[in-house]
Amino acid sequence: MEDVFDLTGTPPQGWMHALFGGGPYTDDVGRCVPGPPAPETVSVPLLEGGEFVYRLVTFGSWSAPDDPIAVYNGTGPLPEPRLSELEKA
């Protein structure tokens, strides 16, 4: 996910502000996510490999109804998928 924060304080068209709890974007108010509506989950790549998944907690607005903010909480790195019996063979 790229940092698409517009320095004027307004997200680009088709994006909305997001606040993240935990994970690589903890308290990073300079991030935006596609929307509105806010996606239920946002996955971000980790430097050490794998992904970190944020899940939507709530959304609202701090200034105006047309300036929504999504609040996400981290769920942690995705576990490596287990190999099936066929893949093990």
N, C-alpha and C. Protein backbone atom coordinates (compact mmCIF):
# COMPACT_ATOMS: atom_id res chain seq x y z
N MET A 1 0.86 -1.18 0.00
CA MET A 1 0.00 0.00 0.00
C MET A 1 0.89 1.23 0.00
N GLU A 2 0.63 2.12 -0.87
CA GLU A 2 1.44 3.32 -0.98
C GLU A 2 0.91 4.41 -0.06
N ASP A 3 1.81 5.33 0.28
CA ASP A 3 1.40 6.49 1.06
C ASP A 3 0.80 7.50 0.09
N VAL A 4 -0.49 7.66 0.12
CA VAL A 4 -1.16 8.55 -0.82
C VAL A 4 -1.69 9.81 -0.15
N PHE A 5 -1.19 10.11 1.04
CA PHE A 5 -1.68 11.27 1.79
C PHE A 5 -1.37 12.56 1.04
N ASP A 6 -2.37 13.37 0.88
CA ASP A 6 -2.23 14.65 0.21
C ASP A 6 -1.91 15.69 1.28
N LEU A 7 -0.85 16.47 1.08
CA LEU A 7 -0.41 17.43 2.10
C LEU A 7 -1.41 18.54 2.36
N THR A 8 -2.44 18.67 1.53
CA THR A 8 -3.47 19.67 1.79
C THR A 8 -4.41 19.17 2.89
N GLY A 9 -4.28 17.90 3.27
CA GLY A 9 -5.14 17.34 4.30
C GLY A 9 -6.34 16.61 3.75
N THR A 10 -6.48 16.60 2.43
CA THR A 10 -7.62 15.94 1.81
C THR A 10 -7.13 14.71 1.04
N PRO A 11 -7.73 13.54 1.27
CA PRO A 11 -7.30 12.36 0.50
C PRO A 11 -7.62 12.55 -0.98
N PRO A 12 -6.83 11.94 -1.85
CA PRO A 12 -7.15 11.98 -3.28
C PRO A 12 -8.54 11.40 -3.54
N GLN A 13 -9.13 11.75 -4.66
CA GLN A 13 -10.46 11.27 -5.01
C GLN A 13 -10.50 9.74 -4.97
N GLY A 14 -11.51 9.18 -4.31
CA GLY A 14 -11.64 7.73 -4.22
C GLY A 14 -10.86 7.11 -3.07
N TRP A 15 -10.29 7.94 -2.18
CA TRP A 15 -9.54 7.45 -1.02
C TRP A 15 -10.06 8.15 0.22
N MET A 16 -9.81 7.55 1.39
CA MET A 16 -10.22 8.16 2.65
C MET A 16 -9.13 7.98 3.70
N HIS A 17 -9.11 8.86 4.69
CA HIS A 17 -8.14 8.77 5.77
C HIS A 17 -8.29 7.45 6.53
N ALA A 18 -7.20 6.97 7.10
CA ALA A 18 -7.24 5.76 7.92
C ALA A 18 -6.29 5.91 9.11
N LEU A 19 -6.72 5.40 10.25
CA LEU A 19 -5.88 5.33 11.45
C LEU A 19 -5.64 3.86 11.73
N PHE A 20 -4.39 3.51 12.06
CA PHE A 20 -4.02 2.12 12.26
C PHE A 20 -3.52 1.89 13.68
N GLY A 21 -4.04 0.86 14.34
CA GLY A 21 -3.56 0.45 15.65
C GLY A 21 -2.72 -0.81 15.50
N GLY A 22 -1.48 -0.76 15.93
CA GLY A 22 -0.60 -1.91 15.83
C GLY A 22 -0.03 -2.07 14.44
N GLY A 23 0.90 -2.98 14.30
CA GLY A 23 1.47 -3.29 12.99
C GLY A 23 2.41 -2.22 12.47
N PRO A 24 2.78 -2.33 11.19
CA PRO A 24 3.78 -1.43 10.62
C PRO A 24 3.32 0.02 10.47
N TYR A 25 2.01 0.29 10.49
CA TYR A 25 1.52 1.66 10.33
C TYR A 25 0.92 2.22 11.62
N THR A 26 1.39 1.75 12.77
CA THR A 26 0.85 2.22 14.05
C THR A 26 0.84 3.73 14.13
N ASP A 27 -0.32 4.29 14.42
CA ASP A 27 -0.49 5.73 14.62
C ASP A 27 0.00 6.57 13.45
N ASP A 28 0.02 6.01 12.25
CA ASP A 28 0.44 6.74 11.06
C ASP A 28 -0.78 7.42 10.47
N VAL A 29 -0.92 8.72 10.75
CA VAL A 29 -2.09 9.45 10.26
C VAL A 29 -1.89 9.93 8.83
N GLY A 30 -0.74 9.63 8.23
CA GLY A 30 -0.48 10.06 6.87
C GLY A 30 -0.81 8.99 5.85
N ARG A 31 -1.72 8.08 6.18
CA ARG A 31 -2.09 7.02 5.25
C ARG A 31 -3.56 7.13 4.89
N CYS A 32 -3.85 6.69 3.69
CA CYS A 32 -5.22 6.63 3.22
C CYS A 32 -5.48 5.25 2.63
N VAL A 33 -6.73 4.89 2.56
CA VAL A 33 -7.14 3.61 1.99
C VAL A 33 -8.21 3.87 0.94
N PRO A 34 -8.39 2.93 0.02
CA PRO A 34 -9.44 3.12 -0.98
C PRO A 34 -10.80 3.28 -0.30
N GLY A 35 -11.64 4.12 -0.84
CA GLY A 35 -12.97 4.29 -0.29
C GLY A 35 -13.43 5.72 -0.41
N PRO A 36 -14.53 6.09 0.17
CA PRO A 36 -15.47 5.21 0.86
C PRO A 36 -16.27 4.34 -0.10
N PRO A 37 -16.82 3.27 0.36
CA PRO A 37 -16.76 2.75 1.73
C PRO A 37 -15.38 2.15 2.02
N ALA A 38 -15.06 2.06 3.30
CA ALA A 38 -13.77 1.52 3.73
C ALA A 38 -13.73 0.01 3.51
N PRO A 39 -12.60 -0.52 3.02
CA PRO A 39 -12.49 -1.97 2.89
C PRO A 39 -12.49 -2.65 4.25
N GLU A 40 -13.04 -3.86 4.33
CA GLU A 40 -13.10 -4.61 5.59
C GLU A 40 -11.71 -4.97 6.11
N THR A 41 -10.79 -5.29 5.19
CA THR A 41 -9.42 -5.62 5.57
C THR A 41 -8.45 -4.90 4.64
N VAL A 42 -7.27 -4.62 5.17
CA VAL A 42 -6.18 -4.03 4.40
C VAL A 42 -4.94 -4.85 4.71
N SER A 43 -4.30 -5.41 3.67
CA SER A 43 -3.08 -6.19 3.85
C SER A 43 -1.89 -5.36 3.40
N VAL A 44 -0.84 -5.35 4.22
CA VAL A 44 0.37 -4.61 3.86
C VAL A 44 1.56 -5.57 3.94
N PRO A 45 2.51 -5.43 3.01
CA PRO A 45 3.67 -6.32 3.03
C PRO A 45 4.62 -5.94 4.16
N LEU A 46 5.26 -6.95 4.73
CA LEU A 46 6.26 -6.74 5.77
C LEU A 46 7.65 -6.80 5.14
N LEU A 47 8.59 -6.01 5.68
CA LEU A 47 9.96 -6.01 5.14
C LEU A 47 10.60 -7.38 5.20
N GLU A 48 10.30 -8.13 6.27
CA GLU A 48 10.89 -9.46 6.45
C GLU A 48 10.14 -10.54 5.69
N GLY A 49 9.17 -10.15 4.91
CA GLY A 49 8.37 -11.09 4.14
C GLY A 49 7.02 -11.34 4.78
N GLY A 50 6.09 -11.80 4.01
CA GLY A 50 4.74 -12.03 4.50
C GLY A 50 3.92 -10.75 4.47
N GLU A 51 2.75 -10.82 5.06
CA GLU A 51 1.83 -9.68 5.08
C GLU A 51 1.29 -9.48 6.48
N PHE A 52 0.88 -8.25 6.76
CA PHE A 52 0.21 -7.91 8.00
C PHE A 52 -1.19 -7.48 7.62
N VAL A 53 -2.19 -8.00 8.33
CA VAL A 53 -3.59 -7.71 7.99
C VAL A 53 -4.20 -6.79 9.04
N TYR A 54 -4.78 -5.71 8.56
CA TYR A 54 -5.56 -4.81 9.42
C TYR A 54 -7.03 -5.08 9.16
N ARG A 55 -7.82 -5.07 10.22
CA ARG A 55 -9.27 -5.26 10.09
C ARG A 55 -9.99 -3.98 10.52
N LEU A 56 -11.04 -3.65 9.78
CA LEU A 56 -11.81 -2.44 10.06
C LEU A 56 -12.51 -2.56 11.41
N VAL A 57 -12.34 -1.54 12.24
CA VAL A 57 -13.00 -1.50 13.54
C VAL A 57 -14.24 -0.62 13.46
N THR A 58 -14.08 0.59 12.93
CA THR A 58 -15.19 1.52 12.80
C THR A 58 -14.79 2.61 11.81
N PHE A 59 -15.74 3.44 11.44
CA PHE A 59 -15.42 4.61 10.64
C PHE A 59 -16.33 5.75 11.05
N GLY A 60 -15.85 6.95 10.83
CA GLY A 60 -16.61 8.13 11.21
C GLY A 60 -15.97 9.34 10.56
N SER A 61 -16.10 10.51 11.20
CA SER A 61 -15.54 11.73 10.65
C SER A 61 -15.12 12.64 11.78
N TRP A 62 -13.99 13.33 11.62
CA TRP A 62 -13.59 14.28 12.65
C TRP A 62 -13.91 15.72 12.27
N SER A 63 -14.27 15.93 10.98
CA SER A 63 -14.54 17.31 10.60
C SER A 63 -15.83 17.49 9.80
N ALA A 64 -16.10 16.57 8.90
CA ALA A 64 -17.28 16.73 8.05
C ALA A 64 -17.73 15.37 7.55
N PRO A 65 -19.01 15.20 7.30
CA PRO A 65 -19.51 13.91 6.82
C PRO A 65 -18.87 13.47 5.51
N ASP A 66 -18.40 14.43 4.70
CA ASP A 66 -17.78 14.06 3.44
C ASP A 66 -16.27 13.82 3.56
N ASP A 67 -15.77 13.76 4.79
CA ASP A 67 -14.35 13.48 5.04
C ASP A 67 -14.26 12.31 6.02
N PRO A 68 -14.63 11.09 5.58
CA PRO A 68 -14.67 9.96 6.50
C PRO A 68 -13.28 9.45 6.88
N ILE A 69 -13.21 8.80 8.04
CA ILE A 69 -11.98 8.22 8.55
C ILE A 69 -12.27 6.79 8.95
N ALA A 70 -11.44 5.87 8.49
CA ALA A 70 -11.58 4.46 8.87
C ALA A 70 -10.57 4.15 9.96
N VAL A 71 -10.98 3.40 10.97
CA VAL A 71 -10.09 3.00 12.06
C VAL A 71 -9.87 1.49 11.93
N TYR A 72 -8.59 1.11 11.85
CA TYR A 72 -8.22 -0.30 11.70
C TYR A 72 -7.40 -0.75 12.90
N ASN A 73 -7.51 -2.03 13.21
CA ASN A 73 -6.69 -2.62 14.26
C ASN A 73 -5.92 -3.78 13.65
N GLY A 74 -4.68 -3.93 14.05
CA GLY A 74 -3.84 -4.98 13.50
C GLY A 74 -4.20 -6.35 14.05
N THR A 75 -4.13 -7.33 13.19
CA THR A 75 -4.38 -8.71 13.62
C THR A 75 -3.10 -9.52 13.59
N GLY A 76 -2.01 -8.93 13.11
CA GLY A 76 -0.73 -9.63 13.10
C GLY A 76 -0.41 -10.24 11.75
N PRO A 77 0.82 -10.75 11.65
CA PRO A 77 1.23 -11.36 10.39
C PRO A 77 0.37 -12.56 10.03
N LEU A 78 0.16 -12.74 8.75
CA LEU A 78 -0.58 -13.92 8.29
C LEU A 78 0.30 -15.15 8.49
N PRO A 79 -0.24 -16.22 9.04
CA PRO A 79 0.57 -17.44 9.16
C PRO A 79 0.85 -18.03 7.78
N GLU A 80 1.97 -18.72 7.69
CA GLU A 80 2.29 -19.39 6.44
C GLU A 80 1.23 -20.44 6.18
N PRO A 81 0.73 -20.55 4.94
CA PRO A 81 -0.28 -21.58 4.67
C PRO A 81 0.33 -22.97 4.82
N ARG A 82 -0.44 -23.86 5.39
CA ARG A 82 0.03 -25.24 5.55
C ARG A 82 0.03 -25.93 4.20
N LEU A 83 1.01 -26.83 4.04
CA LEU A 83 1.05 -27.59 2.80
C LEU A 83 0.02 -28.70 2.84
N SER A 84 -0.62 -28.91 1.73
CA SER A 84 -1.57 -30.03 1.63
C SER A 84 -0.77 -31.33 1.51
N GLU A 85 -1.43 -32.45 1.69
CA GLU A 85 -0.77 -33.74 1.55
C GLU A 85 -0.20 -33.91 0.14
N LEU A 86 -0.93 -33.40 -0.85
CA LEU A 86 -0.47 -33.51 -2.22
C LEU A 86 0.80 -32.67 -2.42
N GLU A 87 0.83 -31.47 -1.84
CA GLU A 87 2.02 -30.63 -1.96
C GLU A 87 3.23 -31.23 -1.25
N LYS A 88 2.98 -31.89 -0.09
CA LYS A 88 4.07 -32.55 0.64
C LYS A 88 4.69 -33.67 -0.18
N ALA A 89 3.84 -34.37 -0.96
CA ALA A 89 4.32 -35.49 -1.76
C ALA A 89 5.13 -34.93 -2.92
